[in-house]
Amino acid sequence: MKTKIIVERRVYSNLVKFVVETRKLLTDLSERPEFTKEWLSVADIKTEFGLSRKIIDGFRKKGLKVNQKTVSGKILIRRRELEKFITKK
């Protein structure tokens, strides 16, 4: 029984350390200019959110609003729209 308590404490301790480190990392990333842009290209979305082009195209078919001036033009997606679309699901 004692070893179970020690293991649980160690696991809890590791989780707390992980959360603190993740929070610091996210704070550092949020201050970088490439992560504060209002309009995101597909490459930006791949870097920041880890979403593939195929997933982004699926989102567009399901109603994600994008800005594309011509058919062969660059696709730009407003950060707020993408975040709202992702969290809506």
C-alpha atoms as a PDB file:
ATOM      1  CA  MET A   1       0.000   0.000   0.000  1.00  0.00           C
ATOM      2  CA  LYS A   2       2.818   2.438   0.796  1.00  0.00           C
ATOM      3  CA  THR A   3       4.470   1.968  -2.580  1.00  0.00           C
ATOM      4  CA  LYS A   4       1.198   2.815  -4.317  1.00  0.00           C
ATOM      5  CA  ILE A   5       1.045   6.144  -2.472  1.00  0.00           C
ATOM      6  CA  ILE A   6       4.672   6.922  -3.367  1.00  0.00           C
ATOM      7  CA  VAL A   7       4.048   6.099  -7.015  1.00  0.00           C
ATOM      8  CA  GLU A   8       0.942   8.275  -7.075  1.00  0.00           C
ATOM      9  CA  ARG A   9       2.828  11.183  -5.562  1.00  0.00           C
ATOM     10  CA  ARG A  10       5.612  10.815  -8.108  1.00  0.00           C
ATOM     11  CA  VAL A  11       3.129  10.689 -10.959  1.00  0.00           C
ATOM     12  CA  TYR A  12       1.269  13.698  -9.566  1.00  0.00           C
ATOM     13  CA  SER A  13       4.547  15.559  -9.160  1.00  0.00           C
ATOM     14  CA  ASN A  14       5.506  14.812 -12.765  1.00  0.00           C
ATOM     15  CA  LEU A  15       2.118  15.975 -13.984  1.00  0.00           C
ATOM     16  CA  VAL A  16       2.429  19.254 -12.096  1.00  0.00           C
ATOM     17  CA  LYS A  17       5.901  19.826 -13.555  1.00  0.00           C
ATOM     18  CA  PHE A  18       4.593  19.067 -17.034  1.00  0.00           C
ATOM     19  CA  VAL A  19       1.703  21.516 -16.656  1.00  0.00           C
ATOM     20  CA  VAL A  20       4.014  24.288 -15.424  1.00  0.00           C
ATOM     21  CA  GLU A  21       6.473  23.719 -18.278  1.00  0.00           C
ATOM     22  CA  THR A  22       3.656  23.626 -20.841  1.00  0.00           C
ATOM     23  CA  ARG A  23       2.176  26.855 -19.487  1.00  0.00           C
ATOM     24  CA  LYS A  24       5.590  28.567 -19.766  1.00  0.00           C
ATOM     25  CA  LEU A  25       6.028  27.294 -23.317  1.00  0.00           C
ATOM     26  CA  LEU A  26       2.573  28.490 -24.361  1.00  0.00           C
ATOM     27  CA  THR A  27       3.232  31.899 -22.831  1.00  0.00           C
ATOM     28  CA  ASP A  28       6.504  32.169 -24.747  1.00  0.00           C
ATOM     29  CA  LEU A  29       4.843  31.085 -27.990  1.00  0.00           C
ATOM     30  CA  SER A  30       1.937  33.489 -27.608  1.00  0.00           C
ATOM     31  CA  GLU A  31       4.366  36.400 -27.519  1.00  0.00           C
ATOM     32  CA  ARG A  32       6.005  35.472 -30.830  1.00  0.00           C
ATOM     33  CA  PRO A  33       4.716  37.570 -33.751  1.00  0.00           C
ATOM     34  CA  GLU A  34       4.025  34.605 -36.047  1.00  0.00           C
ATOM     35  CA  PHE A  35       1.520  33.296 -33.502  1.00  0.00           C
ATOM     36  CA  THR A  36      -0.376  36.561 -33.181  1.00  0.00           C
ATOM     37  CA  LYS A  37      -1.257  37.175 -36.848  1.00  0.00           C
ATOM     38  CA  GLU A  38      -4.909  37.834 -37.595  1.00  0.00           C
ATOM     39  CA  TRP A  39      -4.894  36.187 -41.058  1.00  0.00           C
ATOM     40  CA  LEU A  40      -3.311  32.749 -41.438  1.00  0.00           C
ATOM     41  CA  SER A  41      -2.160  30.983 -44.582  1.00  0.00           C
ATOM     42  CA  VAL A  42      -2.379  27.204 -44.932  1.00  0.00           C
ATOM     43  CA  ALA A  43       1.336  26.954 -44.073  1.00  0.00           C
ATOM     44  CA  ASP A  44       0.775  29.026 -40.906  1.00  0.00           C
ATOM     45  CA  ILE A  45      -2.077  26.739 -39.870  1.00  0.00           C
ATOM     46  CA  LYS A  46       0.087  23.666 -40.446  1.00  0.00           C
ATOM     47  CA  THR A  47       2.813  25.138 -38.241  1.00  0.00           C
ATOM     48  CA  GLU A  48       0.676  26.499 -35.441  1.00  0.00           C
ATOM     49  CA  PHE A  49      -2.228  24.063 -35.239  1.00  0.00           C
ATOM     50  CA  GLY A  50      -0.672  20.955 -36.797  1.00  0.00           C
ATOM     51  CA  LEU A  51      -3.534  20.556 -39.275  1.00  0.00           C
ATOM     52  CA  SER A  52      -2.902  19.132 -42.741  1.00  0.00           C
ATOM     53  CA  ARG A  53      -4.082  20.686 -46.000  1.00  0.00           C
ATOM     54  CA  LYS A  54      -6.594  17.867 -46.376  1.00  0.00           C
ATOM     55  CA  ILE A  55      -8.177  18.655 -43.013  1.00  0.00           C
ATOM     56  CA  ILE A  56      -8.310  22.370 -43.839  1.00  0.00           C
ATOM     57  CA  ASP A  57     -10.031  21.598 -47.156  1.00  0.00           C
ATOM     58  CA  GLY A  58     -12.545  19.461 -45.260  1.00  0.00           C
ATOM     59  CA  PHE A  59     -13.230  22.359 -42.904  1.00  0.00           C
ATOM     60  CA  ARG A  60     -13.799  24.613 -45.919  1.00  0.00           C
ATOM     61  CA  LYS A  61     -16.356  22.166 -47.327  1.00  0.00           C
ATOM     62  CA  LYS A  62     -18.132  22.109 -43.955  1.00  0.00           C
ATOM     63  CA  GLY A  63     -18.464  25.891 -43.913  1.00  0.00           C
ATOM     64  CA  LEU A  64     -15.232  27.469 -42.658  1.00  0.00           C
ATOM     65  CA  LYS A  65     -15.049  30.998 -44.049  1.00  0.00           C
ATOM     66  CA  VAL A  66     -11.902  31.796 -46.033  1.00  0.00           C
ATOM     67  CA  ASN A  67     -10.572  34.670 -48.091  1.00  0.00           C
ATOM     68  CA  GLN A  68      -9.323  33.702 -51.560  1.00  0.00           C
ATOM     69  CA  LYS A  69      -9.303  36.403 -54.220  1.00  0.00           C
ATOM     70  CA  THR A  70      -8.809  34.069 -57.200  1.00  0.00           C
ATOM     71  CA  VAL A  71      -9.143  30.333 -57.712  1.00  0.00           C
ATOM     72  CA  SER A  72      -5.369  29.870 -57.813  1.00  0.00           C
ATOM     73  CA  GLY A  73      -4.731  32.529 -55.160  1.00  0.00           C
ATOM     74  CA  LYS A  74      -3.434  32.169 -51.654  1.00  0.00           C
ATOM     75  CA  ILE A  75      -5.974  30.979 -49.089  1.00  0.00           C
ATOM     76  CA  LEU A  76      -6.187  33.141 -45.985  1.00  0.00           C
ATOM     77  CA  ILE A  77      -8.236  32.235 -42.954  1.00  0.00           C
ATOM     78  CA  ARG A  78      -9.024  34.581 -40.095  1.00  0.00           C
ATOM     79  CA  ARG A  79      -7.652  33.224 -36.808  1.00  0.00           C
ATOM     80  CA  ARG A  80     -10.904  33.898 -34.915  1.00  0.00           C
ATOM     81  CA  GLU A  81     -12.966  32.038 -37.522  1.00  0.00           C
ATOM     82  CA  LEU A  82     -10.669  29.003 -37.426  1.00  0.00           C
ATOM     83  CA  GLU A  83     -10.598  28.855 -33.635  1.00  0.00           C
ATOM     84  CA  LYS A  84     -14.371  29.272 -33.448  1.00  0.00           C
ATOM     85  CA  PHE A  85     -14.879  26.548 -36.086  1.00  0.00           C
ATOM     86  CA  ILE A  86     -12.543  24.102 -34.316  1.00  0.00           C
ATOM     87  CA  THR A  87     -14.035  24.637 -30.857  1.00  0.00           C
ATOM     88  CA  LYS A  88     -17.614  24.460 -32.188  1.00  0.00           C
ATOM     89  CA  LYS A  89     -17.257  20.755 -33.007  1.00  0.00           C
END
